[in-house]
Amino acid sequence: MPESGHDKRSEHAVKHSRDRILTTHVGSLPRNESLSDLLIQREAGERYDAAQFDAEMEKAVRHVVNKQKEAGIDVGNDGEQQRVGFQTYVPARPNAGAAANSRNSRNWCAI
C-alpha cells in the first residue's frame, strides 16, 4: 500500500497513515462575492441564472479544494460553498424544523 495509505481499489477508500496524524478541517470557507450573491438570490426565491450559478459553484469548490491541497490538508472538502450559512441551512433541512425551533429539545443535533 502507498505511504499515504490510500487504497487504489476504490475512489472512496478511507485514507490512513501509520506515520503521522492526517489533517482535515470542518466548517465553512469563504465564498467569492459572485457566488455569495447567487446563493442569497436562490435562498430568497429570486430569479437567478442557473448556468452562472453552476459555473460559479464549480469554480468556488475547485478553488477551496486547491487551497486545501496547497495547505497540506490530507482530507479536504467543499468548504460548504453551497450554503449561505449555517443559520439558514439547519431550518431548511427535512425534519429539522421542530429541533431548530426548540432550544430545550434533546434532538436538536439530530439533523
Protein backbone atom coordinates (compact mmCIF):
# COMPACT_ATOMS: atom_id res chain seq x y z
CA MET A 1 0.00 0.00 0.00
CA PRO A 2 1.35 3.51 -0.77
CA GLU A 3 2.80 5.62 2.05
CA SER A 4 -0.38 7.71 2.23
CA GLY A 5 -2.36 4.58 2.95
CA HIS A 6 -4.73 5.27 0.05
CA ASP A 7 -6.09 2.06 -1.39
CA LYS A 8 -6.26 2.43 -5.19
CA ARG A 9 -9.01 -0.21 -5.42
CA SER A 10 -11.65 2.35 -4.56
CA GLU A 11 -12.06 6.05 -5.27
CA HIS A 12 -13.74 6.35 -1.87
CA ALA A 13 -11.22 4.45 0.20
CA VAL A 14 -10.54 5.87 3.64
CA LYS A 15 -7.11 7.45 3.98
CA HIS A 16 -4.99 6.41 6.91
CA SER A 17 -1.38 6.68 7.96
CA ARG A 18 0.82 4.85 10.41
CA ASP A 19 3.46 7.59 10.24
CA ARG A 20 1.50 10.72 11.16
CA ILE A 21 -1.89 12.13 12.07
CA LEU A 22 -3.82 13.09 8.94
CA THR A 23 -5.27 16.57 8.84
CA THR A 24 -8.67 17.88 7.82
CA HIS A 25 -10.94 20.75 8.71
CA VAL A 26 -14.61 21.29 9.29
CA GLY A 27 -16.76 24.27 8.58
CA SER A 28 -17.34 26.91 6.03
CA LEU A 29 -14.60 28.50 3.95
CA PRO A 30 -15.02 31.99 2.43
CA ARG A 31 -17.01 32.27 -0.80
CA ASN A 32 -16.38 34.70 -3.63
CA GLU A 33 -18.77 37.66 -3.91
CA SER A 34 -20.44 36.43 -7.09
CA LEU A 35 -21.31 33.03 -5.60
CA SER A 36 -22.47 34.65 -2.35
CA ASP A 37 -24.84 36.92 -4.30
CA LEU A 38 -26.24 33.97 -6.27
CA LEU A 39 -26.74 31.91 -3.10
CA ILE A 40 -28.64 34.76 -1.47
CA GLN A 41 -30.82 35.21 -4.58
CA ARG A 42 -31.60 31.49 -4.67
CA GLU A 43 -32.44 31.35 -0.98
CA ALA A 44 -34.70 34.41 -1.26
CA GLY A 45 -36.61 32.71 -4.06
CA GLU A 46 -35.46 35.32 -6.59
CA ARG A 47 -34.68 34.52 -10.20
CA TYR A 48 -31.06 33.72 -10.91
CA ASP A 49 -29.05 32.36 -13.81
CA ALA A 50 -28.74 28.61 -13.17
CA ALA A 51 -25.87 28.19 -15.63
CA GLN A 52 -23.94 31.02 -13.98
CA PHE A 53 -24.72 29.52 -10.57
CA ASP A 54 -23.37 26.11 -11.62
CA ALA A 55 -20.23 27.67 -13.12
CA GLU A 56 -19.57 29.79 -10.01
CA MET A 57 -20.13 26.80 -7.75
CA GLU A 58 -17.71 24.66 -9.75
CA LYS A 59 -15.11 27.44 -9.69
CA ALA A 60 -15.52 28.04 -5.94
CA VAL A 61 -15.29 24.37 -4.98
CA ARG A 62 -12.24 23.88 -7.20
CA HIS A 63 -10.63 26.92 -5.56
CA VAL A 64 -11.17 25.79 -1.95
CA VAL A 65 -10.07 22.22 -2.72
CA ASN A 66 -6.88 23.52 -4.35
CA LYS A 67 -6.21 25.82 -1.38
CA GLN A 68 -6.59 22.86 0.98
CA LYS A 69 -4.13 20.82 -1.09
CA GLU A 70 -1.67 23.73 -1.05
CA ALA A 71 -2.01 23.93 2.74
CA GLY A 72 -1.27 20.21 3.11
CA ILE A 73 -4.76 19.14 4.17
CA ASP A 74 -5.00 15.36 3.75
CA VAL A 75 -8.78 15.00 3.74
CA GLY A 76 -10.37 18.01 2.09
CA ASN A 77 -13.96 19.02 1.44
CA ASP A 78 -16.03 21.59 -0.44
CA GLY A 79 -15.85 24.15 2.36
CA GLU A 80 -19.66 24.31 2.44
CA GLN A 81 -19.65 26.50 -0.65
CA GLN A 82 -23.25 25.51 -1.44
CA ARG A 83 -24.68 27.05 1.76
CA VAL A 84 -25.44 30.67 2.53
CA GLY A 85 -24.82 29.98 6.21
CA PHE A 86 -25.48 27.51 8.98
CA GLN A 87 -28.29 29.61 10.46
CA THR A 88 -30.34 29.24 7.27
CA TYR A 89 -29.19 25.71 6.44
CA VAL A 90 -30.48 23.94 9.57
CA PRO A 91 -34.11 25.12 9.39
CA ALA A 92 -34.19 24.22 5.67
CA ARG A 93 -33.25 20.57 6.35
CA PRO A 94 -36.07 18.00 6.31
CA ASN A 95 -37.30 17.22 9.84
CA ALA A 96 -35.08 19.89 11.35
CA GLY A 97 -37.82 22.45 11.87
CA ALA A 98 -39.00 21.17 15.23
CA ALA A 99 -35.48 20.72 16.50
CA ALA A 100 -34.39 24.13 15.22
CA ASN A 101 -37.34 25.80 16.98
CA SER A 102 -36.88 24.13 20.36
CA ARG A 103 -33.72 25.02 22.25
CA ASN A 104 -34.57 22.56 25.02
CA SER A 105 -35.07 19.63 22.67
CA ARG A 106 -32.66 16.75 23.23
CA ASN A 107 -32.85 16.05 19.47
CA TRP A 108 -31.57 19.42 18.33
CA CYS A 109 -28.36 17.90 16.97
CA ALA A 110 -30.09 15.09 15.06
CA ILE A 111 -30.01 16.82 11.69
